[in-house]
Full PDB file with SEQRES, HELIX, SHEET, SSBOND, CRYST1, ORIGX, SCALE, CONECT and MASTER records, all heavy atoms in Angstrom:
SEQRES   1 A   43  THR LEU HIS ALA GLY GLY LYS PHE ASP ASP SER ALA TYR          
SEQRES   2 A   43  LYS THR SER GLY GLY LEU HIS GLY VAL GLY SER SER VAL          
SEQRES   3 A   43  VAL ASN ALA LEU SER VAL TYR MET ASP VAL GLN ILE SER          
SEQRES   4 A   43  ARG ASP GLY ALA                                              
HELIX    1 AA1 GLY A   23  ALA A   29  1                                   7    
CRYST1    1.000    1.000    1.000  90.00  90.00  90.00 P 1           1          
ORIGX1      1.000000  0.000000  0.000000        0.00000                         
ORIGX2      0.000000  1.000000  0.000000        0.00000                         
ORIGX3      0.000000  0.000000  1.000000        0.00000                         
SCALE1      1.000000  0.000000  0.000000        0.00000                         
SCALE2      0.000000  1.000000  0.000000        0.00000                         
SCALE3      0.000000  0.000000  1.000000        0.00000                         
ATOM      1  N   THR A   1       1.138  -7.891  -4.391  1.00  0.00           N  
ATOM      2  CA  THR A   1       0.239  -7.902  -5.524  1.00  0.00           C  
ATOM      3  C   THR A   1       0.093  -6.555  -6.141  1.00  0.00           C  
ATOM      4  O   THR A   1      -0.224  -5.587  -5.471  1.00  0.00           O  
ATOM      5  CB  THR A   1      -1.143  -8.390  -5.105  1.00  0.00           C  
ATOM      6  OG1 THR A   1      -1.036  -9.675  -4.347  1.00  0.00           O  
ATOM      7  CG2 THR A   1      -2.044  -8.664  -6.299  1.00  0.00           C  
ATOM      8  N   LEU A   2       0.346  -6.467  -7.478  1.00  0.00           N  
ATOM      9  CA  LEU A   2       0.132  -5.224  -8.140  1.00  0.00           C  
ATOM     10  C   LEU A   2      -1.374  -4.899  -8.187  1.00  0.00           C  
ATOM     11  O   LEU A   2      -2.211  -5.805  -8.275  1.00  0.00           O  
ATOM     12  CB  LEU A   2       0.593  -5.292  -9.605  1.00  0.00           C  
ATOM     13  CG  LEU A   2       2.132  -5.396  -9.788  1.00  0.00           C  
ATOM     14  CD1 LEU A   2       2.497  -5.534 -11.266  1.00  0.00           C  
ATOM     15  CD2 LEU A   2       2.857  -4.170  -9.204  1.00  0.00           C  
ATOM     16  N   HIS A   3      -1.707  -3.600  -8.080  1.00  0.00           N  
ATOM     17  CA  HIS A   3      -3.079  -3.137  -8.160  1.00  0.00           C  
ATOM     18  C   HIS A   3      -3.891  -3.683  -7.000  1.00  0.00           C  
ATOM     19  O   HIS A   3      -5.090  -4.045  -7.176  1.00  0.00           O  
ATOM     20  CB  HIS A   3      -3.743  -3.526  -9.483  1.00  0.00           C  
ATOM     21  CG  HIS A   3      -2.930  -3.099 -10.665  1.00  0.00           C  
ATOM     22  ND1 HIS A   3      -2.668  -1.781 -11.008  1.00  0.00           N  
ATOM     23  CD2 HIS A   3      -2.291  -3.879 -11.623  1.00  0.00           C  
ATOM     24  CE1 HIS A   3      -1.895  -1.752 -12.068  1.00  0.00           C  
ATOM     25  NE2 HIS A   3      -1.636  -2.998 -12.457  1.00  0.00           N  
ATOM     26  N   ALA A   4      -3.279  -3.756  -5.830  1.00  0.00           N  
ATOM     27  CA  ALA A   4      -4.003  -4.101  -4.606  1.00  0.00           C  
ATOM     28  C   ALA A   4      -3.820  -2.881  -3.638  1.00  0.00           C  
ATOM     29  O   ALA A   4      -2.645  -2.516  -3.375  1.00  0.00           O  
ATOM     30  CB  ALA A   4      -3.455  -5.360  -4.001  1.00  0.00           C  
ATOM     31  N   GLY A   5      -4.865  -2.372  -3.144  1.00  0.00           N  
ATOM     32  CA  GLY A   5      -4.746  -1.266  -2.205  1.00  0.00           C  
ATOM     33  C   GLY A   5      -6.077  -0.714  -1.811  1.00  0.00           C  
ATOM     34  O   GLY A   5      -7.149  -1.195  -2.253  1.00  0.00           O  
ATOM     35  N   GLY A   6      -6.119   0.347  -1.032  1.00  0.00           N  
ATOM     36  CA  GLY A   6      -7.337   0.954  -0.521  1.00  0.00           C  
ATOM     37  C   GLY A   6      -7.745   2.201  -1.282  1.00  0.00           C  
ATOM     38  O   GLY A   6      -8.477   3.006  -0.733  1.00  0.00           O  
ATOM     39  N   LYS A   7      -7.244   2.375  -2.506  1.00  0.00           N  
ATOM     40  CA  LYS A   7      -7.438   3.651  -3.197  1.00  0.00           C  
ATOM     41  C   LYS A   7      -8.410   3.503  -4.420  1.00  0.00           C  
ATOM     42  O   LYS A   7      -8.605   4.384  -5.201  1.00  0.00           O  
ATOM     43  CB  LYS A   7      -6.106   4.127  -3.804  1.00  0.00           C  
ATOM     44  CG  LYS A   7      -4.934   4.018  -2.877  1.00  0.00           C  
ATOM     45  CD  LYS A   7      -5.034   4.907  -1.684  1.00  0.00           C  
ATOM     46  CE  LYS A   7      -3.855   4.720  -0.723  1.00  0.00           C  
ATOM     47  NZ  LYS A   7      -2.546   5.068  -1.242  1.00  0.00           N  
ATOM     48  N   PHE A   8      -9.091   2.375  -4.473  1.00  0.00           N  
ATOM     49  CA  PHE A   8      -9.955   2.135  -5.629  1.00  0.00           C  
ATOM     50  C   PHE A   8     -11.437   2.451  -5.446  1.00  0.00           C  
ATOM     51  O   PHE A   8     -12.232   2.371  -6.327  1.00  0.00           O  
ATOM     52  CB  PHE A   8      -9.799   0.673  -6.114  1.00  0.00           C  
ATOM     53  CG  PHE A   8      -8.440   0.346  -6.586  1.00  0.00           C  
ATOM     54  CD1 PHE A   8      -7.642  -0.435  -5.751  1.00  0.00           C  
ATOM     55  CD2 PHE A   8      -7.912   0.803  -7.766  1.00  0.00           C  
ATOM     56  CE1 PHE A   8      -6.330  -0.735  -6.188  1.00  0.00           C  
ATOM     57  CE2 PHE A   8      -6.642   0.532  -8.203  1.00  0.00           C  
ATOM     58  CZ  PHE A   8      -5.838  -0.239  -7.387  1.00  0.00           C  
ATOM     59  N   ASP A   9     -11.786   2.853  -4.187  1.00  0.00           N  
ATOM     60  CA  ASP A   9     -13.157   3.306  -3.938  1.00  0.00           C  
ATOM     61  C   ASP A   9     -13.082   4.443  -2.957  1.00  0.00           C  
ATOM     62  O   ASP A   9     -11.967   4.825  -2.493  1.00  0.00           O  
ATOM     63  CB  ASP A   9     -14.063   2.183  -3.485  1.00  0.00           C  
ATOM     64  CG  ASP A   9     -13.595   1.558  -2.212  1.00  0.00           C  
ATOM     65  OD1 ASP A   9     -13.165   2.249  -1.282  1.00  0.00           O  
ATOM     66  OD2 ASP A   9     -13.688   0.284  -2.090  1.00  0.00           O  
ATOM     67  N   ASP A  10     -14.135   5.011  -2.593  1.00  0.00           N  
ATOM     68  CA  ASP A  10     -14.199   6.228  -1.727  1.00  0.00           C  
ATOM     69  C   ASP A  10     -14.306   5.882  -0.251  1.00  0.00           C  
ATOM     70  O   ASP A  10     -14.393   6.776   0.569  1.00  0.00           O  
ATOM     71  CB  ASP A  10     -15.366   7.102  -2.117  1.00  0.00           C  
ATOM     72  CG  ASP A  10     -15.257   7.628  -3.543  1.00  0.00           C  
ATOM     73  OD1 ASP A  10     -14.149   7.703  -4.006  1.00  0.00           O  
ATOM     74  OD2 ASP A  10     -16.304   7.918  -4.148  1.00  0.00           O  
ATOM     75  N   SER A  11     -14.314   4.596   0.092  1.00  0.00           N  
ATOM     76  CA  SER A  11     -14.600   4.234   1.479  1.00  0.00           C  
ATOM     77  C   SER A  11     -13.438   4.563   2.387  1.00  0.00           C  
ATOM     78  O   SER A  11     -13.675   4.999   3.553  1.00  0.00           O  
ATOM     79  CB  SER A  11     -14.950   2.710   1.589  1.00  0.00           C  
ATOM     80  OG  SER A  11     -13.848   1.927   1.144  1.00  0.00           O  
ATOM     81  N   ALA A  12     -12.215   4.421   1.970  1.00  0.00           N  
ATOM     82  CA  ALA A  12     -11.052   4.682   2.817  1.00  0.00           C  
ATOM     83  C   ALA A  12     -10.389   5.983   2.529  1.00  0.00           C  
ATOM     84  O   ALA A  12      -9.855   6.643   3.443  1.00  0.00           O  
ATOM     85  CB  ALA A  12     -10.040   3.518   2.693  1.00  0.00           C  
ATOM     86  N   TYR A  13     -10.338   6.399   1.249  1.00  0.00           N  
ATOM     87  CA  TYR A  13      -9.673   7.592   0.836  1.00  0.00           C  
ATOM     88  C   TYR A  13     -10.519   8.409  -0.132  1.00  0.00           C  
ATOM     89  O   TYR A  13     -10.853   7.920  -1.190  1.00  0.00           O  
ATOM     90  CB  TYR A  13      -8.315   7.257   0.160  1.00  0.00           C  
ATOM     91  CG  TYR A  13      -7.334   6.569   1.007  1.00  0.00           C  
ATOM     92  CD1 TYR A  13      -7.240   5.159   1.023  1.00  0.00           C  
ATOM     93  CD2 TYR A  13      -6.442   7.273   1.856  1.00  0.00           C  
ATOM     94  CE1 TYR A  13      -6.320   4.497   1.864  1.00  0.00           C  
ATOM     95  CE2 TYR A  13      -5.570   6.623   2.684  1.00  0.00           C  
ATOM     96  CZ  TYR A  13      -5.481   5.234   2.664  1.00  0.00           C  
ATOM     97  OH  TYR A  13      -4.604   4.615   3.474  1.00  0.00           O  
ATOM     98  N   LYS A  14     -10.792   9.636   0.256  1.00  0.00           N  
ATOM     99  CA  LYS A  14     -11.521  10.556  -0.661  1.00  0.00           C  
ATOM    100  C   LYS A  14     -10.685  10.992  -1.786  1.00  0.00           C  
ATOM    101  O   LYS A  14     -11.016  10.967  -2.956  1.00  0.00           O  
ATOM    102  CB  LYS A  14     -12.056  11.735   0.078  1.00  0.00           C  
ATOM    103  CG  LYS A  14     -12.918  12.694  -0.734  1.00  0.00           C  
ATOM    104  CD  LYS A  14     -13.343  13.908   0.067  1.00  0.00           C  
ATOM    105  CE  LYS A  14     -14.151  14.864  -0.824  1.00  0.00           C  
ATOM    106  NZ  LYS A  14     -14.560  16.078  -0.104  1.00  0.00           N  
ATOM    107  N   THR A  15      -9.415  11.450  -1.433  1.00  0.00           N  
ATOM    108  CA  THR A  15      -8.413  11.783  -2.518  1.00  0.00           C  
ATOM    109  C   THR A  15      -7.118  11.127  -2.123  1.00  0.00           C  
ATOM    110  O   THR A  15      -6.810  10.857  -0.944  1.00  0.00           O  
ATOM    111  CB  THR A  15      -8.161  13.304  -2.547  1.00  0.00           C  
ATOM    112  OG1 THR A  15      -7.686  13.772  -1.328  1.00  0.00           O  
ATOM    113  CG2 THR A  15      -9.458  14.071  -2.981  1.00  0.00           C  
ATOM    114  N   SER A  16      -6.366  10.762  -3.123  1.00  0.00           N  
ATOM    115  CA  SER A  16      -5.126  10.033  -2.919  1.00  0.00           C  
ATOM    116  C   SER A  16      -4.105  10.294  -4.010  1.00  0.00           C  
ATOM    117  O   SER A  16      -4.480  10.517  -5.152  1.00  0.00           O  
ATOM    118  CB  SER A  16      -5.489   8.542  -2.865  1.00  0.00           C  
ATOM    119  OG  SER A  16      -4.349   7.778  -3.039  1.00  0.00           O  
ATOM    120  N   GLY A  17      -2.862  10.268  -3.611  1.00  0.00           N  
ATOM    121  CA  GLY A  17      -1.783  10.408  -4.638  1.00  0.00           C  
ATOM    122  C   GLY A  17      -1.441   9.053  -5.250  1.00  0.00           C  
ATOM    123  O   GLY A  17      -1.098   8.922  -6.384  1.00  0.00           O  
ATOM    124  N   GLY A  18      -1.608   7.961  -4.406  1.00  0.00           N  
ATOM    125  CA  GLY A  18      -1.319   6.609  -4.949  1.00  0.00           C  
ATOM    126  C   GLY A  18      -2.609   5.957  -5.421  1.00  0.00           C  
ATOM    127  O   GLY A  18      -3.323   5.456  -4.637  1.00  0.00           O  
ATOM    128  N   LEU A  19      -2.811   6.006  -6.705  1.00  0.00           N  
ATOM    129  CA  LEU A  19      -4.111   5.567  -7.232  1.00  0.00           C  
ATOM    130  C   LEU A  19      -4.019   4.232  -7.959  1.00  0.00           C  
ATOM    131  O   LEU A  19      -5.070   3.634  -8.236  1.00  0.00           O  
ATOM    132  CB  LEU A  19      -4.695   6.630  -8.143  1.00  0.00           C  
ATOM    133  CG  LEU A  19      -5.082   7.918  -7.395  1.00  0.00           C  
ATOM    134  CD1 LEU A  19      -5.271   9.031  -8.345  1.00  0.00           C  
ATOM    135  CD2 LEU A  19      -6.359   7.645  -6.628  1.00  0.00           C  
ATOM    136  N   HIS A  20      -2.825   3.826  -8.337  1.00  0.00           N  
ATOM    137  CA  HIS A  20      -2.745   2.584  -9.169  1.00  0.00           C  
ATOM    138  C   HIS A  20      -2.580   1.357  -8.339  1.00  0.00           C  
ATOM    139  O   HIS A  20      -2.659   0.265  -8.829  1.00  0.00           O  
ATOM    140  CB  HIS A  20      -1.535   2.723 -10.092  1.00  0.00           C  
ATOM    141  CG  HIS A  20      -1.585   3.880 -11.063  1.00  0.00           C  
ATOM    142  ND1 HIS A  20      -2.472   3.896 -12.097  1.00  0.00           N  
ATOM    143  CD2 HIS A  20      -0.914   5.042 -11.130  1.00  0.00           C  
ATOM    144  CE1 HIS A  20      -2.305   5.057 -12.765  1.00  0.00           C  
ATOM    145  NE2 HIS A  20      -1.369   5.733 -12.202  1.00  0.00           N  
ATOM    146  N   GLY A  21      -2.332   1.499  -7.003  1.00  0.00           N  
ATOM    147  CA  GLY A  21      -2.243   0.379  -6.201  1.00  0.00           C  
ATOM    148  C   GLY A  21      -0.969  -0.402  -6.406  1.00  0.00           C  
ATOM    149  O   GLY A  21      -0.912  -1.629  -6.204  1.00  0.00           O  
ATOM    150  N   VAL A  22       0.092   0.222  -6.964  1.00  0.00           N  
ATOM    151  CA  VAL A  22       1.326  -0.491  -7.259  1.00  0.00           C  
ATOM    152  C   VAL A  22       2.504  -0.017  -6.460  1.00  0.00           C  
ATOM    153  O   VAL A  22       3.589  -0.619  -6.496  1.00  0.00           O  
ATOM    154  CB  VAL A  22       1.677  -0.391  -8.777  1.00  0.00           C  
ATOM    155  CG1 VAL A  22       0.530  -1.004  -9.589  1.00  0.00           C  
ATOM    156  CG2 VAL A  22       1.877   1.018  -9.177  1.00  0.00           C  
ATOM    157  N   GLY A  23       2.347   1.153  -5.737  1.00  0.00           N  
ATOM    158  CA  GLY A  23       3.498   1.794  -5.095  1.00  0.00           C  
ATOM    159  C   GLY A  23       4.307   0.886  -4.158  1.00  0.00           C  
ATOM    160  O   GLY A  23       5.451   0.619  -4.303  1.00  0.00           O  
ATOM    161  N   SER A  24       3.603   0.371  -3.139  1.00  0.00           N  
ATOM    162  CA  SER A  24       4.264  -0.436  -2.116  1.00  0.00           C  
ATOM    163  C   SER A  24       4.829  -1.686  -2.706  1.00  0.00           C  
ATOM    164  O   SER A  24       5.971  -2.137  -2.365  1.00  0.00           O  
ATOM    165  CB  SER A  24       3.336  -0.776  -0.976  1.00  0.00           C  
ATOM    166  OG  SER A  24       2.893   0.393  -0.297  1.00  0.00           O  
ATOM    167  N   SER A  25       4.075  -2.385  -3.575  1.00  0.00           N  
ATOM    168  CA  SER A  25       4.531  -3.622  -4.120  1.00  0.00           C  
ATOM    169  C   SER A  25       5.706  -3.430  -5.078  1.00  0.00           C  
ATOM    170  O   SER A  25       6.595  -4.311  -5.143  1.00  0.00           O  
ATOM    171  CB  SER A  25       3.353  -4.321  -4.837  1.00  0.00           C  
ATOM    172  OG  SER A  25       2.827  -3.502  -5.839  1.00  0.00           O  
ATOM    173  N   VAL A  26       5.735  -2.304  -5.780  1.00  0.00           N  
ATOM    174  CA  VAL A  26       6.886  -2.005  -6.679  1.00  0.00           C  
ATOM    175  C   VAL A  26       8.115  -1.758  -5.864  1.00  0.00           C  
ATOM    176  O   VAL A  26       9.212  -2.284  -6.191  1.00  0.00           O  
ATOM    177  CB  VAL A  26       6.541  -0.786  -7.557  1.00  0.00           C  
ATOM    178  CG1 VAL A  26       7.768  -0.270  -8.255  1.00  0.00           C  
ATOM    179  CG2 VAL A  26       5.505  -1.176  -8.623  1.00  0.00           C  
ATOM    180  N   VAL A  27       8.012  -1.003  -4.830  1.00  0.00           N  
ATOM    181  CA  VAL A  27       9.194  -0.764  -3.935  1.00  0.00           C  
ATOM    182  C   VAL A  27       9.721  -2.101  -3.388  1.00  0.00           C  
ATOM    183  O   VAL A  27      10.914  -2.350  -3.345  1.00  0.00           O  
ATOM    184  CB  VAL A  27       8.839   0.209  -2.816  1.00  0.00           C  
ATOM    185  CG1 VAL A  27      10.056   0.389  -1.875  1.00  0.00           C  
ATOM    186  CG2 VAL A  27       8.471   1.555  -3.392  1.00  0.00           C  
ATOM    187  N   ASN A  28       8.795  -2.935  -3.031  1.00  0.00           N  
ATOM    188  CA  ASN A  28       9.121  -4.273  -2.463  1.00  0.00           C  
ATOM    189  C   ASN A  28       9.911  -5.093  -3.519  1.00  0.00           C  
ATOM    190  O   ASN A  28      10.969  -5.679  -3.206  1.00  0.00           O  
ATOM    191  CB  ASN A  28       7.881  -4.990  -2.059  1.00  0.00           C  
ATOM    192  CG  ASN A  28       8.159  -6.332  -1.345  1.00  0.00           C  
ATOM    193  OD1 ASN A  28       9.238  -6.554  -0.875  1.00  0.00           O  
ATOM    194  ND2 ASN A  28       7.115  -7.156  -1.263  1.00  0.00           N  
ATOM    195  N   ALA A  29       9.353  -5.060  -4.737  1.00  0.00           N  
ATOM    196  CA  ALA A  29      10.014  -5.886  -5.815  1.00  0.00           C  
ATOM    197  C   ALA A  29      11.388  -5.404  -6.141  1.00  0.00           C  
ATOM    198  O   ALA A  29      12.254  -6.240  -6.580  1.00  0.00           O  
ATOM    199  CB  ALA A  29       9.111  -5.811  -7.069  1.00  0.00           C  
ATOM    200  N   LEU A  30      11.682  -4.085  -6.018  1.00  0.00           N  
ATOM    201  CA  LEU A  30      12.912  -3.521  -6.391  1.00  0.00           C  
ATOM    202  C   LEU A  30      13.923  -3.348  -5.268  1.00  0.00           C  
ATOM    203  O   LEU A  30      14.902  -2.635  -5.395  1.00  0.00           O  
ATOM    204  CB  LEU A  30      12.679  -2.195  -7.147  1.00  0.00           C  
ATOM    205  CG  LEU A  30      11.742  -2.290  -8.345  1.00  0.00           C  
ATOM    206  CD1 LEU A  30      11.610  -0.862  -8.943  1.00  0.00           C  
ATOM    207  CD2 LEU A  30      12.300  -3.212  -9.383  1.00  0.00           C  
ATOM    208  N   SER A  31      13.634  -3.977  -4.117  1.00  0.00           N  
ATOM    209  CA  SER A  31      14.511  -3.913  -2.941  1.00  0.00           C  
ATOM    210  C   SER A  31      15.150  -5.237  -2.642  1.00  0.00           C  
ATOM    211  O   SER A  31      14.552  -6.282  -2.797  1.00  0.00           O  
ATOM    212  CB  SER A  31      13.683  -3.397  -1.747  1.00  0.00           C  
ATOM    213  OG  SER A  31      13.145  -2.138  -1.988  1.00  0.00           O  
ATOM    214  N   VAL A  32      16.379  -5.166  -2.146  1.00  0.00           N  
ATOM    215  CA  VAL A  32      17.036  -6.382  -1.603  1.00  0.00           C  
ATOM    216  C   VAL A  32      16.209  -6.966  -0.501  1.00  0.00           C  
ATOM    217  O   VAL A  32      15.989  -8.166  -0.428  1.00  0.00           O  
ATOM    218  CB  VAL A  32      18.454  -6.025  -1.098  1.00  0.00           C  
ATOM    219  CG1 VAL A  32      19.082  -7.253  -0.443  1.00  0.00           C  
ATOM    220  CG2 VAL A  32      19.363  -5.509  -2.202  1.00  0.00           C  
ATOM    221  N   TYR A  33      15.725  -6.110   0.355  1.00  0.00           N  
ATOM    222  CA  TYR A  33      14.792  -6.557   1.424  1.00  0.00           C  
ATOM    223  C   TYR A  33      13.872  -5.390   1.747  1.00  0.00           C  
ATOM    224  O   TYR A  33      14.138  -4.234   1.505  1.00  0.00           O  
ATOM    225  CB  TYR A  33      15.471  -7.051   2.678  1.00  0.00           C  
ATOM    226  CG  TYR A  33      16.206  -5.943   3.472  1.00  0.00           C  
ATOM    227  CD1 TYR A  33      15.494  -5.074   4.296  1.00  0.00           C  
ATOM    228  CD2 TYR A  33      17.575  -5.762   3.353  1.00  0.00           C  
ATOM    229  CE1 TYR A  33      16.153  -4.097   5.009  1.00  0.00           C  
ATOM    230  CE2 TYR A  33      18.226  -4.757   4.051  1.00  0.00           C  
ATOM    231  CZ  TYR A  33      17.536  -3.926   4.888  1.00  0.00           C  
ATOM    232  OH  TYR A  33      18.126  -2.920   5.594  1.00  0.00           O  
ATOM    233  N   MET A  34      12.707  -5.762   2.280  1.00  0.00           N  
ATOM    234  CA  MET A  34      11.769  -4.780   2.857  1.00  0.00           C  
ATOM    235  C   MET A  34      11.249  -5.325   4.157  1.00  0.00           C  
ATOM    236  O   MET A  34      10.773  -6.496   4.240  1.00  0.00           O  
ATOM    237  CB  MET A  34      10.609  -4.484   1.884  1.00  0.00           C  
ATOM    238  CG  MET A  34       9.550  -3.568   2.522  1.00  0.00           C  
ATOM    239  SD  MET A  34       8.104  -3.292   1.462  1.00  0.00           S  
ATOM    240  CE  MET A  34       8.729  -1.999   0.427  1.00  0.00           C  
ATOM    241  N   ASP A  35      11.391  -4.543   5.221  1.00  0.00           N  
ATOM    242  CA  ASP A  35      10.948  -4.959   6.521  1.00  0.00           C  
ATOM    243  C   ASP A  35       9.766  -4.107   6.972  1.00  0.00           C  
ATOM    244  O   ASP A  35       9.876  -2.823   6.859  1.00  0.00           O  
ATOM    245  CB  ASP A  35      12.065  -4.830   7.577  1.00  0.00           C  
ATOM    246  CG  ASP A  35      11.761  -5.606   8.847  1.00  0.00           C  
ATOM    247  OD1 ASP A  35      12.150  -6.810   8.894  1.00  0.00           O  
ATOM    248  OD2 ASP A  35      11.213  -5.020   9.771  1.00  0.00           O  
ATOM    249  N   VAL A  36       8.644  -4.662   7.331  1.00  0.00           N  
ATOM    250  CA  VAL A  36       7.459  -3.941   7.603  1.00  0.00           C  
ATOM    251  C   VAL A  36       6.993  -4.204   9.065  1.00  0.00           C  
ATOM    252  O   VAL A  36       6.899  -5.338   9.507  1.00  0.00           O  
ATOM    253  CB  VAL A  36       6.345  -4.363   6.610  1.00  0.00           C  
ATOM    254  CG1 VAL A  36       5.057  -3.540   6.897  1.00  0.00           C  
ATOM    255  CG2 VAL A  36       6.782  -4.186   5.228  1.00  0.00           C  
ATOM    256  N   GLN A  37       6.692  -3.053   9.735  1.00  0.00           N  
ATOM    257  CA  GLN A  37       6.068  -3.202  11.086  1.00  0.00           C  
ATOM    258  C   GLN A  37       4.784  -2.328  11.042  1.00  0.00           C  
ATOM    259  O   GLN A  37       4.865  -1.127  10.764  1.00  0.00           O  
ATOM    260  CB  GLN A  37       7.021  -2.699  12.192  1.00  0.00           C  
ATOM    261  CG  GLN A  37       8.222  -3.599  12.363  1.00  0.00           C  
ATOM    262  CD  GLN A  37       9.082  -3.173  13.514  1.00  0.00           C  
ATOM    263  OE1 GLN A  37       8.582  -2.567  14.500  1.00  0.00           O  
ATOM    264  NE2 GLN A  37      10.408  -3.477  13.520  1.00  0.00           N  
ATOM    265  N   ILE A  38       3.676  -2.966  11.382  1.00  0.00           N  
ATOM    266  CA  ILE A  38       2.396  -2.341  11.347  1.00  0.00           C  
ATOM    267  C   ILE A  38       1.802  -2.281  12.767  1.00  0.00           C  
ATOM    268  O   ILE A  38       1.562  -3.357  13.377  1.00  0.00           O  
ATOM    269  CB  ILE A  38       1.431  -3.023  10.383  1.00  0.00           C  
ATOM    270  CG1 ILE A  38       1.993  -2.994   8.957  1.00  0.00           C  
ATOM    271  CG2 ILE A  38       0.065  -2.296  10.379  1.00  0.00           C  
ATOM    272  CD1 ILE A  38       1.243  -3.914   7.987  1.00  0.00           C  
ATOM    273  N   SER A  39       1.588  -1.093  13.282  1.00  0.00           N  
ATOM    274  CA  SER A  39       1.037  -0.946  14.644  1.00  0.00           C  
ATOM    275  C   SER A  39      -0.519  -0.720  14.429  1.00  0.00           C  
ATOM    276  O   SER A  39      -0.933   0.360  13.940  1.00  0.00           O  
ATOM    277  CB  SER A  39       1.605   0.230  15.368  1.00  0.00           C  
ATOM    278  OG  SER A  39       3.005  -0.039  15.563  1.00  0.00           O  
ATOM    279  N   ARG A  40      -1.257  -1.659  14.879  1.00  0.00           N  
ATOM    280  CA  ARG A  40      -2.711  -1.607  14.653  1.00  0.00           C  
ATOM    281  C   ARG A  40      -3.432  -2.638  15.564  1.00  0.00           C  
ATOM    282  O   ARG A  40      -2.877  -3.688  15.829  1.00  0.00           O  
ATOM    283  CB  ARG A  40      -3.028  -1.920  13.162  1.00  0.00           C  
ATOM    284  CG  ARG A  40      -4.482  -1.701  12.775  1.00  0.00           C  
ATOM    285  CD  ARG A  40      -4.675  -2.049  11.297  1.00  0.00           C  
ATOM    286  NE  ARG A  40      -6.094  -2.032  10.975  1.00  0.00           N  
ATOM    287  CZ  ARG A  40      -6.715  -1.066  10.263  1.00  0.00           C  
ATOM    288  NH1 ARG A  40      -6.014  -0.052   9.849  1.00  0.00           N  
ATOM    289  NH2 ARG A  40      -8.001  -1.127  10.023  1.00  0.00           N  
ATOM    290  N   ASP A  41      -4.608  -2.281  15.940  1.00  0.00           N  
ATOM    291  CA  ASP A  41      -5.428  -3.218  16.735  1.00  0.00           C  
ATOM    292  C   ASP A  41      -4.667  -3.673  17.984  1.00  0.00           C  
ATOM    293  O   ASP A  41      -4.812  -4.827  18.403  1.00  0.00           O  
ATOM    294  CB  ASP A  41      -5.815  -4.439  15.880  1.00  0.00           C  
ATOM    295  CG  ASP A  41      -6.558  -4.017  14.664  1.00  0.00           C  
ATOM    296  OD1 ASP A  41      -7.225  -3.003  14.669  1.00  0.00           O  
ATOM    297  OD2 ASP A  41      -6.464  -4.739  13.630  1.00  0.00           O  
ATOM    298  N   GLY A  42      -3.889  -2.788  18.596  1.00  0.00           N  
ATOM    299  CA  GLY A  42      -3.219  -3.043  19.926  1.00  0.00           C  
ATOM    300  C   GLY A  42      -1.961  -3.866  19.796  1.00  0.00           C  
ATOM    301  O   GLY A  42      -1.424  -4.257  20.838  1.00  0.00           O  
ATOM    302  N   ALA A  43      -1.450  -4.142  18.574  1.00  0.00           N  
ATOM    303  CA  ALA A  43      -0.274  -4.979  18.426  1.00  0.00           C  
ATOM    304  C   ALA A  43       0.617  -4.442  17.288  1.00  0.00           C  
ATOM    305  O   ALA A  43       0.184  -3.766  16.414  1.00  0.00           O  
ATOM    306  CB  ALA A  43      -0.681  -6.411  18.188  1.00  0.00           C  
TER     307      ALA A  43                                                      
MASTER        0    0    0    1    0    0    0    6  306    1    0    4          
END                                                                             
């Protein structure tokens, strides 16, 4: 989703380079494939 991210308020990021919330989704859209692994909450 364009314009979805944690950069739109101060709760997660005080300052940020990615402010439009489009970076990850744009890279995804312009790639043959994108594989994501997220290590969080013990898994």
